[in-house]
Amino acid sequence: MNSFIISSFLTAILSIILGLFVFLQDAKNKINKIWLLTASAVFVSWISLGYICLSNSPEQALIWQKILYVGAIFVPIFLFNFCSIFVNSEGRSKILLFIGYIFASFFIVILFCTNLFISGVDNITSIHYWPVQIGILYYLFLAYHIFYVICTIVVLYLARKNANGVTRKQIDYIFYGALVSIIGGSTSFLLDFNISSYPMVGNYLMMFYVVFVTYAILKHHLFNLKVIATELLTFIIWMFLLVRVLLSTSTRDQIIDGSLLGIIVIFGIFLIRSVVKEITQREKIEKLATDLETANVRLTELDRQKSEFVSFATHQLRAPLTAMKGYASMILEGDMGTMADEVKLGVSRIFDSAKTLTNIVDDYLNLSRIELGTMKYVFDVLDFKTLIEDIVAELKPNIEKSGLKFTFTAENGDVDYRITADRDKFKQVIENLIDNSMKYTPKGSVALSLSFNRPLHKFVFMIKDTGIGIDPDVLPHLFAKWSRAGNANKTNIKGTGLGLFVAKEIISAHHGTIRAESPGEGKGSTFIVEMDPWGKM
């Protein structure tokens, strides 16, 4: 057995193995099915070529020769069909494909039922037996073969011009591989005309073409080193066992090596499929992660647009609410004349509702500004103690109306209570904290205290009440957006759940901290604000 025969068997075995390997990657994929048919046709042709060379009689050689032409008849039409699907031009090639399959079926009938295709074989030096006795319809087959080879090249060339990226590279492998195989395959037709004075390289070049096309189909997976290593090791084992089968001198060795090869091929295919499946699943996870990242970007943009809309809408609401509150206040203070007690009660309710709505609008405005990053601060040096005293004075009517015991104590001595803060925003936080303690304390006391923690070098402002308290499970989430304690919802249904969130953001912008403490529901609560002295910020 010479190298030419061995290479024929190797090409046949390699083509069917790679065809099955591609098919098993995705058995439902149409292009994988067509490539398996193409690889099978190549297998039939080259396995028959090997057995022609081993034939001991013209009759035996003629049988293998006709089997070879079965593969040779279907290779061009299968290949054209495969390339048409690969470059998404199957729709434009339907008529040519239909005609091609009609001709292929016709040639099969002629091949086995008449002598109009080949009528006999002769002994030639390089191959042994070959069908130099050709019939009249052989020339029609030759024209059919050349036509569909040209169609394949044209389809690939046109698709190659319009492709880019990975697709362009895949088409390049098929295109240049087809050119190489055509050059090699054309040498076989010269033998039909008894021209044999040249090296037989067709089977070697066809072997490269099968590998090129398989690589093009699986290119995406072959870039993964784990898959490359698995496939390379598996193919090496297959080829080693195949060579042992072909070089075995006894029937016993051939049976043992052949059986071992079959088992290793099956296990190798399952091994490669499992590795590819693992890579595919990982790629799906990576794609999902990319999609999730894209969705997050989109959601962030939608959230920004929502914040812009809320900012615009609440800003438009603020002006009329301020006017309502202002005019209601003027009426209550008697600036517009005397009025009956019933009217005064109604206007008082209007004023309270307008004030509540104004506070809600302010919360939404601050929230949207914080989310958009447009909250502006005008920092200045102010006296913390004086600010609290001013707030207490402003809230005095509400304090007296609440009936609560209200106290404010500050550490005496030479303490300098100056801090660096935005007066309006910092005042809004302290005022809201005091107002909240009063709202959620039906009876009892609210005690304010201001001191200087010398070890920490921080001012500590505390608001301690005897109100409804806070559940320990709620405390970690108290300063989150939209968060409200269950008992707070029962006590004051007008809250938005944004006040403490906004307060925390504002205090954080002042490089301070805010926290809450409570022994539990019904046991009161304490809010603590810590700030740096003015020279430290």
Protein backbone atom coordinates (compact mmCIF):
# COMPACT_ATOMS: atom_id res chain seq x y z
CA MET A 1 0.00 0.00 0.00
CA ASN A 2 1.64 3.23 -1.19
CA SER A 3 1.26 6.80 0.09
CA PHE A 4 -1.29 7.67 -2.62
CA ILE A 5 -3.67 4.92 -1.47
CA ILE A 6 -3.17 5.81 2.20
CA SER A 7 -3.85 9.48 1.47
CA SER A 8 -7.05 8.50 -0.38
CA PHE A 9 -8.33 6.60 2.64
CA LEU A 10 -7.21 9.39 4.98
CA THR A 11 -9.09 11.98 2.91
CA ALA A 12 -12.22 9.82 2.91
CA ILE A 13 -12.11 9.08 6.64
CA LEU A 14 -11.23 12.67 7.55
CA SER A 15 -14.06 14.08 5.45
CA ILE A 16 -16.75 11.87 6.98
CA ILE A 17 -15.43 12.41 10.52
CA LEU A 18 -15.42 16.19 10.10
CA GLY A 19 -18.80 16.06 8.38
CA LEU A 20 -20.27 14.13 11.31
CA PHE A 21 -18.53 16.41 13.77
CA VAL A 22 -20.10 19.52 12.20
CA PHE A 23 -23.49 17.82 11.96
CA LEU A 24 -23.44 16.80 15.62
CA GLN A 25 -22.78 20.40 16.70
CA ASP A 26 -26.36 21.23 15.68
CA ALA A 27 -28.23 18.43 13.92
CA LYS A 28 -31.21 20.71 13.21
CA ASN A 29 -29.17 23.31 11.36
CA LYS A 30 -29.75 23.03 7.60
CA ILE A 31 -26.23 24.10 6.66
CA ASN A 32 -24.76 21.38 8.89
CA LYS A 33 -26.96 18.78 7.15
CA ILE A 34 -25.84 19.89 3.69
CA TRP A 35 -22.18 19.87 4.75
CA LEU A 36 -22.61 16.29 6.04
CA LEU A 37 -24.00 15.30 2.61
CA THR A 38 -21.08 17.06 0.89
CA ALA A 39 -18.56 15.33 3.17
CA SER A 40 -20.32 12.00 2.56
CA ALA A 41 -20.02 12.46 -1.22
CA VAL A 42 -16.30 13.21 -0.81
CA PHE A 43 -16.00 10.12 1.39
CA VAL A 44 -17.65 7.91 -1.24
CA SER A 45 -15.36 9.26 -3.97
CA TRP A 46 -12.05 8.91 -2.14
CA ILE A 47 -12.75 5.62 -0.38
CA SER A 48 -13.67 4.21 -3.80
CA LEU A 49 -10.44 5.62 -5.27
CA GLY A 50 -8.45 3.73 -2.65
CA TYR A 51 -10.22 0.47 -3.41
CA ILE A 52 -9.81 0.99 -7.18
CA CYS A 53 -6.06 1.06 -6.59
CA LEU A 54 -6.35 -2.19 -4.59
CA SER A 55 -8.60 -3.98 -7.13
CA ASN A 56 -7.33 -7.27 -8.58
CA SER A 57 -9.54 -7.33 -11.67
CA PRO A 58 -11.14 -4.91 -14.18
CA GLU A 59 -14.62 -6.04 -13.11
CA GLN A 60 -13.95 -5.24 -9.46
CA ALA A 61 -12.34 -1.91 -10.41
CA LEU A 62 -15.35 -1.00 -12.61
CA ILE A 63 -17.76 -1.50 -9.68
CA TRP A 64 -15.67 0.75 -7.42
CA GLN A 65 -15.31 3.22 -10.30
CA LYS A 66 -19.08 3.58 -10.62
CA ILE A 67 -19.36 4.05 -6.85
CA LEU A 68 -16.66 6.74 -7.12
CA TYR A 69 -18.74 8.57 -9.74
CA VAL A 70 -21.77 8.52 -7.43
CA GLY A 71 -19.77 10.76 -5.10
CA ALA A 72 -18.31 12.77 -8.00
CA ILE A 73 -21.81 13.44 -9.37
CA PHE A 74 -23.16 14.79 -6.07
CA VAL A 75 -20.10 16.71 -4.82
CA PRO A 76 -20.56 19.78 -7.09
CA ILE A 77 -24.32 20.18 -6.50
CA PHE A 78 -24.03 19.55 -2.74
CA LEU A 79 -21.13 22.00 -2.57
CA PHE A 80 -23.07 24.65 -4.52
CA ASN A 81 -26.08 24.10 -2.25
CA PHE A 82 -23.89 24.39 0.85
CA CYS A 83 -22.22 27.62 -0.29
CA SER A 84 -25.58 29.14 -1.30
CA ILE A 85 -26.91 28.57 2.21
CA PHE A 86 -23.66 29.73 3.82
CA VAL A 87 -23.76 33.12 2.05
CA ASN A 88 -27.58 33.47 2.31
CA SER A 89 -28.23 33.25 -1.44
CA GLU A 90 -30.22 30.01 -1.49
CA GLY A 91 -33.36 31.86 -2.57
CA ARG A 92 -31.65 33.24 -5.70
CA SER A 93 -30.17 29.81 -6.50
CA LYS A 94 -33.36 27.72 -6.28
CA ILE A 95 -33.70 27.14 -10.03
CA LEU A 96 -30.04 26.19 -10.47
CA LEU A 97 -30.27 23.84 -7.50
CA PHE A 98 -33.41 22.20 -8.87
CA ILE A 99 -31.83 21.67 -12.30
CA GLY A 100 -28.63 20.39 -10.71
CA TYR A 101 -30.40 17.74 -8.64
CA ILE A 102 -32.37 16.65 -11.74
CA PHE A 103 -29.12 16.20 -13.68
CA ALA A 104 -27.47 14.38 -10.76
CA SER A 105 -30.37 11.90 -10.58
CA PHE A 106 -30.22 11.44 -14.36
CA PHE A 107 -26.48 10.68 -14.29
CA ILE A 108 -26.94 8.09 -11.51
CA VAL A 109 -29.49 6.24 -13.67
CA ILE A 110 -27.26 6.44 -16.74
CA LEU A 111 -24.20 5.35 -14.76
CA PHE A 112 -25.68 2.07 -13.55
CA CYS A 113 -28.16 1.25 -16.33
CA THR A 114 -26.22 1.99 -19.52
CA ASN A 115 -22.73 2.18 -20.98
CA LEU A 116 -23.25 5.80 -22.08
CA PHE A 117 -21.30 7.09 -19.06
CA ILE A 118 -18.39 4.65 -18.74
CA SER A 119 -18.13 1.36 -20.55
CA GLY A 120 -14.95 -0.12 -19.09
CA VAL A 121 -11.59 0.39 -17.37
CA ASP A 122 -8.00 -0.04 -18.51
CA ASN A 123 -4.79 -0.62 -16.63
CA ILE A 124 -2.71 2.57 -16.31
CA THR A 125 0.61 2.77 -14.51
CA SER A 126 -0.06 5.46 -11.89
CA ILE A 127 -3.52 4.36 -10.65
CA HIS A 128 -3.81 0.76 -11.85
CA TYR A 129 -7.37 0.58 -13.27
CA TRP A 130 -9.15 3.68 -14.53
CA PRO A 131 -12.24 4.31 -16.79
CA VAL A 132 -10.55 5.49 -19.96
CA GLN A 133 -13.42 3.86 -21.90
CA ILE A 134 -15.90 6.73 -21.52
CA GLY A 135 -19.34 7.10 -23.11
CA ILE A 136 -20.96 10.02 -24.92
CA LEU A 137 -22.88 11.28 -21.85
CA TYR A 138 -19.66 11.53 -19.88
CA TYR A 139 -19.02 14.86 -21.65
CA LEU A 140 -22.40 16.12 -20.44
CA PHE A 141 -21.41 15.12 -16.90
CA LEU A 142 -18.11 16.97 -17.34
CA ALA A 143 -19.96 20.11 -18.46
CA TYR A 144 -22.37 19.79 -15.51
CA HIS A 145 -19.45 19.42 -13.12
CA ILE A 146 -17.56 22.43 -14.49
CA PHE A 147 -20.73 24.59 -14.55
CA TYR A 148 -21.61 24.04 -10.90
CA VAL A 149 -18.00 24.45 -9.80
CA ILE A 150 -17.99 27.85 -11.54
CA CYS A 151 -21.35 28.72 -9.94
CA THR A 152 -19.91 27.89 -6.53
CA ILE A 153 -16.86 30.09 -7.11
CA VAL A 154 -19.01 32.98 -8.37
CA VAL A 155 -21.40 32.77 -5.39
CA LEU A 156 -18.47 32.77 -2.95
CA TYR A 157 -16.67 35.58 -4.77
CA LEU A 158 -19.72 37.87 -4.81
CA ALA A 159 -20.47 37.16 -1.13
CA ARG A 160 -16.82 37.72 -0.23
CA LYS A 161 -16.88 41.23 -1.73
CA ASN A 162 -19.83 42.29 0.43
CA ALA A 163 -18.82 40.56 3.68
CA ASN A 164 -16.66 41.76 6.56
CA GLY A 165 -15.41 40.66 9.96
CA VAL A 166 -15.64 36.99 10.94
CA THR A 167 -18.04 36.22 8.06
CA ARG A 168 -15.48 37.52 5.52
CA LYS A 169 -12.78 35.31 7.03
CA GLN A 170 -15.06 32.26 6.97
CA ILE A 171 -15.90 32.85 3.29
CA ASP A 172 -12.20 33.31 2.55
CA TYR A 173 -11.42 29.85 3.93
CA ILE A 174 -14.13 28.26 1.78
CA PHE A 175 -13.28 30.34 -1.32
CA TYR A 176 -9.53 29.66 -1.36
CA GLY A 177 -10.08 26.08 -0.24
CA ALA A 178 -12.44 25.56 -3.20
CA LEU A 179 -9.82 26.93 -5.61
CA VAL A 180 -7.20 24.54 -4.22
CA SER A 181 -9.55 21.54 -4.45
CA ILE A 182 -10.58 22.43 -8.03
CA ILE A 183 -6.95 22.54 -9.09
CA GLY A 184 -6.33 19.18 -7.44
CA GLY A 185 -9.61 17.60 -8.52
CA SER A 186 -9.11 18.58 -12.17
CA THR A 187 -6.15 16.21 -12.34
CA SER A 188 -8.56 13.27 -12.00
CA PHE A 189 -10.38 14.21 -15.22
CA LEU A 190 -7.11 14.07 -17.17
CA LEU A 191 -6.90 10.36 -16.33
CA ASP A 192 -10.21 9.83 -18.10
CA PHE A 193 -8.45 10.81 -21.31
CA ASN A 194 -5.47 8.51 -20.57
CA ILE A 195 -3.22 11.43 -19.59
CA SER A 196 -1.25 10.21 -16.56
CA SER A 197 2.23 11.73 -16.87
CA TYR A 198 1.85 14.17 -13.92
CA PRO A 199 1.87 13.92 -10.12
CA MET A 200 -1.45 12.88 -8.55
CA VAL A 201 -2.12 15.54 -5.95
CA GLY A 202 -5.94 15.73 -6.04
CA ASN A 203 -6.54 13.67 -2.93
CA TYR A 204 -3.97 15.64 -0.91
CA LEU A 205 -5.49 18.99 -1.90
CA MET A 206 -9.04 17.74 -1.28
CA MET A 207 -7.98 16.78 2.25
CA PHE A 208 -6.95 20.40 2.90
CA TYR A 209 -10.23 21.67 1.46
CA VAL A 210 -12.34 19.53 3.80
CA VAL A 211 -10.33 20.82 6.77
CA PHE A 212 -10.62 24.46 5.56
CA VAL A 213 -14.41 24.31 5.19
CA THR A 214 -14.86 22.57 8.55
CA TYR A 215 -12.68 25.23 10.14
CA ALA A 216 -14.77 27.96 8.51
CA ILE A 217 -18.02 26.50 9.84
CA LEU A 218 -16.66 26.05 13.36
CA LYS A 219 -14.39 29.10 13.35
CA HIS A 220 -16.19 30.77 16.23
CA HIS A 221 -15.65 27.75 18.49
CA LEU A 222 -12.11 27.04 17.35
CA PHE A 223 -10.93 30.38 18.68
CA ASN A 224 -11.38 28.97 22.17
CA LEU A 225 -8.16 27.35 23.36
CA LYS A 226 -10.03 24.73 25.39
CA VAL A 227 -11.92 23.56 22.29
CA ILE A 228 -8.76 23.63 20.15
CA ALA A 229 -6.88 21.45 22.62
CA THR A 230 -9.75 18.94 22.86
CA GLU A 231 -10.26 18.72 19.11
CA LEU A 232 -6.54 18.49 18.33
CA LEU A 233 -5.96 15.70 20.84
CA THR A 234 -9.02 13.79 19.62
CA PHE A 235 -8.05 14.10 15.92
CA ILE A 236 -4.49 12.96 16.63
CA ILE A 237 -5.79 9.82 18.36
CA TRP A 238 -8.19 9.17 15.47
CA MET A 239 -5.48 9.53 12.84
CA PHE A 240 -3.06 7.34 14.79
CA LEU A 241 -5.59 4.51 15.05
CA LEU A 242 -6.62 4.93 11.40
CA VAL A 243 -3.03 4.56 10.23
CA ARG A 244 -2.72 1.43 12.38
CA VAL A 245 -5.82 -0.01 10.72
CA LEU A 246 -4.50 0.74 7.23
CA LEU A 247 -1.02 -0.64 7.97
CA SER A 248 -2.18 -3.75 9.83
CA THR A 249 -0.97 -6.95 8.14
CA SER A 250 -3.37 -9.39 9.77
CA THR A 251 -7.15 -9.58 9.84
CA ARG A 252 -7.10 -9.94 13.63
CA ASP A 253 -5.15 -6.67 14.05
CA GLN A 254 -7.42 -4.88 11.60
CA ILE A 255 -10.55 -5.97 13.51
CA ILE A 256 -9.09 -4.97 16.89
CA ASP A 257 -7.73 -1.61 15.66
CA GLY A 258 -10.87 -0.90 13.65
CA SER A 259 -13.13 -1.62 16.62
CA LEU A 260 -10.96 0.54 18.87
CA LEU A 261 -11.06 3.32 16.27
CA GLY A 262 -14.87 3.16 16.15
CA ILE A 263 -15.16 3.34 19.94
CA ILE A 264 -12.67 6.22 20.18
CA VAL A 265 -14.45 8.12 17.39
CA ILE A 266 -17.79 7.85 19.23
CA PHE A 267 -16.32 8.88 22.58
CA GLY A 268 -14.28 11.64 20.92
CA ILE A 269 -17.37 13.12 19.29
CA PHE A 270 -19.23 13.13 22.60
CA LEU A 271 -16.21 14.69 24.34
CA ILE A 272 -15.91 17.50 21.80
CA ARG A 273 -19.67 18.09 21.86
CA SER A 274 -19.62 18.41 25.66
CA VAL A 275 -16.75 20.91 25.50
CA VAL A 276 -18.46 22.93 22.77
CA LYS A 277 -21.73 22.83 24.73
CA GLU A 278 -19.91 24.18 27.78
CA ILE A 279 -18.37 26.99 25.70
CA THR A 280 -21.76 27.75 24.12
CA GLN A 281 -23.42 27.99 27.51
CA ARG A 282 -20.69 30.30 28.72
CA GLU A 283 -21.09 32.47 25.63
CA LYS A 284 -24.85 32.62 26.26
CA ILE A 285 -24.18 33.74 29.83
CA GLU A 286 -21.74 36.38 28.55
CA LYS A 287 -24.33 37.53 26.02
CA LEU A 288 -26.98 37.71 28.75
CA ALA A 289 -24.57 39.74 30.86
CA THR A 290 -23.98 42.11 27.93
CA ASP A 291 -27.72 42.39 27.32
CA LEU A 292 -28.26 43.04 31.01
CA GLU A 293 -25.62 45.76 30.95
CA THR A 294 -27.32 47.34 27.93
CA ALA A 295 -30.68 47.12 29.68
CA ASN A 296 -29.18 48.74 32.77
CA VAL A 297 -27.85 51.60 30.67
CA ARG A 298 -31.27 52.01 29.13
CA LEU A 299 -32.98 51.90 32.52
CA THR A 300 -30.53 54.48 33.84
CA GLU A 301 -31.40 56.73 30.93
CA LEU A 302 -35.13 56.19 31.52
CA ASP A 303 -34.61 56.94 35.21
CA ARG A 304 -32.81 60.16 34.28
CA GLN A 305 -35.66 61.14 31.96
CA LYS A 306 -38.15 60.33 34.71
CA SER A 307 -36.24 62.54 37.14
CA GLU A 308 -36.19 65.36 34.59
CA PHE A 309 -39.94 65.04 34.10
CA VAL A 310 -40.61 64.99 37.86
CA SER A 311 -38.36 68.02 38.30
CA PHE A 312 -40.21 69.93 35.58
CA ALA A 313 -43.69 68.91 36.79
CA THR A 314 -43.06 69.63 40.46
CA HIS A 315 -41.38 72.95 39.64
CA GLN A 316 -44.53 73.98 37.78
CA LEU A 317 -46.68 72.95 40.77
CA ARG A 318 -44.60 74.89 43.28
CA ALA A 319 -45.57 78.38 42.11
CA PRO A 320 -49.38 78.02 42.42
CA LEU A 321 -49.03 76.18 45.75
CA THR A 322 -46.89 78.99 47.13
CA ALA A 323 -49.53 81.50 46.02
CA MET A 324 -52.31 79.46 47.66
CA LYS A 325 -50.39 79.20 50.89
CA GLY A 326 -49.50 82.89 50.86
CA TYR A 327 -53.03 84.14 50.27
CA ALA A 328 -54.46 81.70 52.83
CA SER A 329 -51.95 82.99 55.38
CA MET A 330 -52.93 86.59 54.64
CA ILE A 331 -56.62 85.77 55.09
CA LEU A 332 -55.96 83.98 58.40
CA GLU A 333 -53.91 86.90 59.69
CA GLY A 334 -56.79 89.30 58.92
CA ASP A 335 -55.02 91.25 56.18
CA MET A 336 -58.15 90.92 54.02
CA GLY A 337 -60.71 91.78 56.66
CA THR A 338 -62.66 89.96 59.31
CA MET A 339 -64.39 86.65 58.65
CA ALA A 340 -66.67 84.17 60.37
CA ASP A 341 -65.21 81.33 62.40
CA GLU A 342 -66.52 78.76 59.90
CA VAL A 343 -64.73 80.54 57.04
CA LYS A 344 -61.58 80.83 59.10
CA LEU A 345 -61.68 77.07 59.79
CA GLY A 346 -62.03 76.33 56.07
CA VAL A 347 -59.18 78.67 55.11
CA SER A 348 -57.03 77.12 57.85
CA ARG A 349 -57.55 73.69 56.29
CA ILE A 350 -56.69 75.10 52.87
CA PHE A 351 -53.48 76.55 54.33
CA ASP A 352 -52.52 73.24 55.99
CA SER A 353 -53.20 71.28 52.79
CA ALA A 354 -51.23 73.75 50.69
CA LYS A 355 -48.36 73.53 53.16
CA THR A 356 -48.43 69.71 53.04
CA LEU A 357 -48.47 69.72 49.24
CA THR A 358 -45.61 72.24 49.19
CA ASN A 359 -43.53 69.95 51.39
CA ILE A 360 -44.31 66.99 49.10
CA VAL A 361 -43.35 69.01 46.02
CA ASP A 362 -40.12 70.08 47.74
CA ASP A 363 -39.31 66.42 48.47
CA TYR A 364 -39.83 65.43 44.84
CA LEU A 365 -37.85 68.42 43.59
CA ASN A 366 -34.93 67.58 45.87
CA LEU A 367 -35.11 63.91 44.90
CA SER A 368 -34.96 64.68 41.17
CA ARG A 369 -32.10 67.13 41.70
CA ILE A 370 -30.15 64.56 43.70
CA GLU A 371 -30.71 61.86 41.04
CA LEU A 372 -29.76 64.21 38.21
CA GLY A 373 -26.76 65.56 40.12
CA THR A 374 -28.05 69.12 39.79
CA MET A 375 -28.47 69.87 43.50
CA LYS A 376 -26.52 73.07 44.10
CA TYR A 377 -25.13 74.14 47.45
CA VAL A 378 -24.03 77.61 48.56
CA PHE A 379 -21.78 76.95 51.52
CA ASP A 380 -21.23 79.63 54.13
CA VAL A 381 -20.16 79.84 57.75
CA LEU A 382 -23.13 79.87 60.15
CA ASP A 383 -23.75 79.32 63.84
CA PHE A 384 -25.31 75.90 64.45
CA LYS A 385 -26.81 76.90 67.81
CA THR A 386 -28.30 80.14 66.50
CA LEU A 387 -29.81 78.28 63.52
CA ILE A 388 -31.61 75.83 65.84
CA GLU A 389 -32.87 78.67 68.03
CA ASP A 390 -34.28 80.43 64.94
CA ILE A 391 -36.03 77.23 63.81
CA VAL A 392 -37.54 76.69 67.28
CA ALA A 393 -38.82 80.27 67.26
CA GLU A 394 -40.47 79.76 63.85
CA LEU A 395 -42.08 76.51 65.00
CA LYS A 396 -43.29 77.99 68.29
CA PRO A 397 -46.98 78.22 67.19
CA ASN A 398 -46.94 74.56 66.19
CA ILE A 399 -45.12 73.60 69.39
CA GLU A 400 -47.71 75.36 71.54
CA LYS A 401 -50.53 73.84 69.50
CA SER A 402 -49.12 70.31 69.90
CA GLY A 403 -49.23 70.42 73.72
CA LEU A 404 -45.89 68.61 73.95
CA LYS A 405 -43.17 69.35 76.45
CA PHE A 406 -40.49 70.91 74.23
CA THR A 407 -36.93 71.71 75.35
CA PHE A 408 -33.66 72.77 73.75
CA THR A 409 -30.36 72.62 75.60
CA ALA A 410 -26.90 73.46 74.34
CA GLU A 411 -23.54 72.87 75.96
CA ASN A 412 -22.35 76.10 77.57
CA GLY A 413 -18.86 77.43 77.84
CA ASP A 414 -16.55 78.72 75.17
CA VAL A 415 -17.80 76.34 72.43
CA ASP A 416 -17.69 77.86 68.95
CA TYR A 417 -20.74 76.41 67.17
CA ARG A 418 -19.84 77.63 63.73
CA ILE A 419 -20.16 75.15 60.83
CA THR A 420 -19.84 75.37 57.06
CA ALA A 421 -23.23 74.73 55.44
CA ASP A 422 -25.82 75.80 52.90
CA ARG A 423 -28.13 77.74 55.22
CA ASP A 424 -31.42 77.04 53.40
CA LYS A 425 -30.87 73.34 52.78
CA PHE A 426 -29.34 72.61 56.18
CA LYS A 427 -32.16 74.53 57.87
CA GLN A 428 -34.70 72.50 55.85
CA VAL A 429 -33.20 69.24 57.20
CA ILE A 430 -33.18 70.32 60.86
CA GLU A 431 -36.66 71.80 60.57
CA ASN A 432 -38.05 68.60 58.98
CA LEU A 433 -36.46 66.41 61.69
CA ILE A 434 -37.99 68.50 64.47
CA ASP A 435 -41.34 68.66 62.71
CA ASN A 436 -41.32 64.86 62.21
CA SER A 437 -40.63 64.22 65.90
CA MET A 438 -43.60 66.42 66.81
CA LYS A 439 -45.89 64.72 64.27
CA TYR A 440 -45.05 61.21 65.46
CA THR A 441 -45.28 62.07 69.16
CA PRO A 442 -49.00 62.19 70.09
CA LYS A 443 -48.15 63.03 73.69
CA GLY A 444 -45.09 63.38 75.88
CA SER A 445 -41.99 65.37 75.05
CA VAL A 446 -39.50 66.35 72.36
CA ALA A 447 -36.02 67.25 73.64
CA LEU A 448 -33.37 68.93 71.49
CA SER A 449 -29.73 69.03 72.51
CA LEU A 450 -26.53 70.33 70.95
CA SER A 451 -23.07 69.43 72.21
CA PHE A 452 -19.46 69.16 71.12
CA ASN A 453 -17.85 65.70 71.13
CA ARG A 454 -14.24 66.58 71.83
CA PRO A 455 -12.71 63.10 71.18
CA LEU A 456 -14.40 62.98 67.73
CA HIS A 457 -14.11 66.74 67.24
CA LYS A 458 -17.71 66.91 65.99
CA PHE A 459 -20.91 68.73 66.85
CA VAL A 460 -23.71 66.38 67.91
CA PHE A 461 -27.32 67.49 67.48
CA MET A 462 -29.94 65.14 68.98
CA ILE A 463 -33.75 65.10 68.77
CA LYS A 464 -35.19 62.71 71.34
CA ASP A 465 -38.94 62.12 71.54
CA THR A 466 -41.35 59.85 73.41
CA GLY A 467 -43.40 59.10 70.31
CA ILE A 468 -44.41 55.98 68.38
CA GLY A 469 -40.83 54.68 68.05
CA ILE A 470 -39.30 52.60 65.27
CA ASP A 471 -39.27 48.83 64.80
CA PRO A 472 -35.65 47.47 64.89
CA ASP A 473 -36.25 45.74 61.52
CA VAL A 474 -37.11 49.10 59.95
CA LEU A 475 -34.10 51.04 61.26
CA PRO A 476 -31.54 49.79 58.64
CA HIS A 477 -33.87 50.92 55.81
CA LEU A 478 -35.20 54.11 57.39
CA PHE A 479 -33.11 56.47 55.23
CA ALA A 480 -33.76 54.58 51.96
CA LYS A 481 -35.83 56.06 49.15
CA TRP A 482 -39.61 55.60 49.59
CA SER A 483 -39.08 53.92 52.97
CA ARG A 484 -41.64 54.48 55.76
CA ALA A 485 -42.26 52.58 58.98
CA GLY A 486 -45.58 50.77 59.25
CA ASN A 487 -46.66 52.67 62.34
CA ALA A 488 -45.68 55.94 60.63
CA ASN A 489 -48.08 55.17 57.81
CA LYS A 490 -50.87 54.72 60.35
CA THR A 491 -50.01 57.96 62.17
CA ASN A 492 -49.32 60.28 59.27
CA ILE A 493 -50.61 59.12 55.88
CA LYS A 494 -49.44 62.31 54.15
CA GLY A 495 -45.74 61.40 54.12
CA THR A 496 -43.89 60.49 50.89
CA GLY A 497 -41.10 58.35 52.31
CA LEU A 498 -38.57 60.76 50.79
CA GLY A 499 -37.91 63.20 53.63
CA LEU A 500 -35.27 61.17 55.46
CA PHE A 501 -33.65 60.06 52.19
CA VAL A 502 -33.29 63.69 51.09
CA ALA A 503 -32.05 64.65 54.58
CA LYS A 504 -29.35 61.97 54.46
CA GLU A 505 -28.21 63.10 51.00
CA ILE A 506 -28.02 66.74 52.07
CA ILE A 507 -26.16 65.93 55.30
CA SER A 508 -23.75 63.69 53.34
CA ALA A 509 -23.08 66.58 50.95
CA HIS A 510 -22.10 68.59 54.06
CA HIS A 511 -19.66 65.79 55.06
CA GLY A 512 -21.83 65.04 58.07
CA THR A 513 -23.73 61.97 59.23
CA ILE A 514 -27.31 61.30 60.29
CA ARG A 515 -28.73 58.24 62.01
CA ALA A 516 -31.69 57.10 64.06
CA GLU A 517 -31.98 55.04 67.23
CA SER A 518 -35.04 53.52 68.91
CA PRO A 519 -35.67 50.84 71.56
CA GLY A 520 -38.72 49.74 69.57
CA GLU A 521 -42.30 50.62 68.72
CA GLY A 522 -44.04 52.80 71.31
CA LYS A 523 -40.75 53.62 73.04
CA GLY A 524 -39.77 56.83 71.28
CA SER A 525 -36.87 57.53 68.94
CA THR A 526 -33.72 59.64 68.69
CA PHE A 527 -32.32 61.27 65.54
CA ILE A 528 -28.66 62.28 65.64
CA VAL A 529 -26.85 64.66 63.27
CA GLU A 530 -23.07 65.00 63.49
CA MET A 531 -21.22 67.87 61.80
CA ASP A 532 -17.61 69.01 61.54
CA PRO A 533 -16.66 72.47 62.88
CA TRP A 534 -16.37 75.12 60.18
CA GLY A 535 -12.59 75.05 59.89
CA LYS A 536 -12.41 71.26 59.36
CA MET A 537 -14.67 70.80 56.33
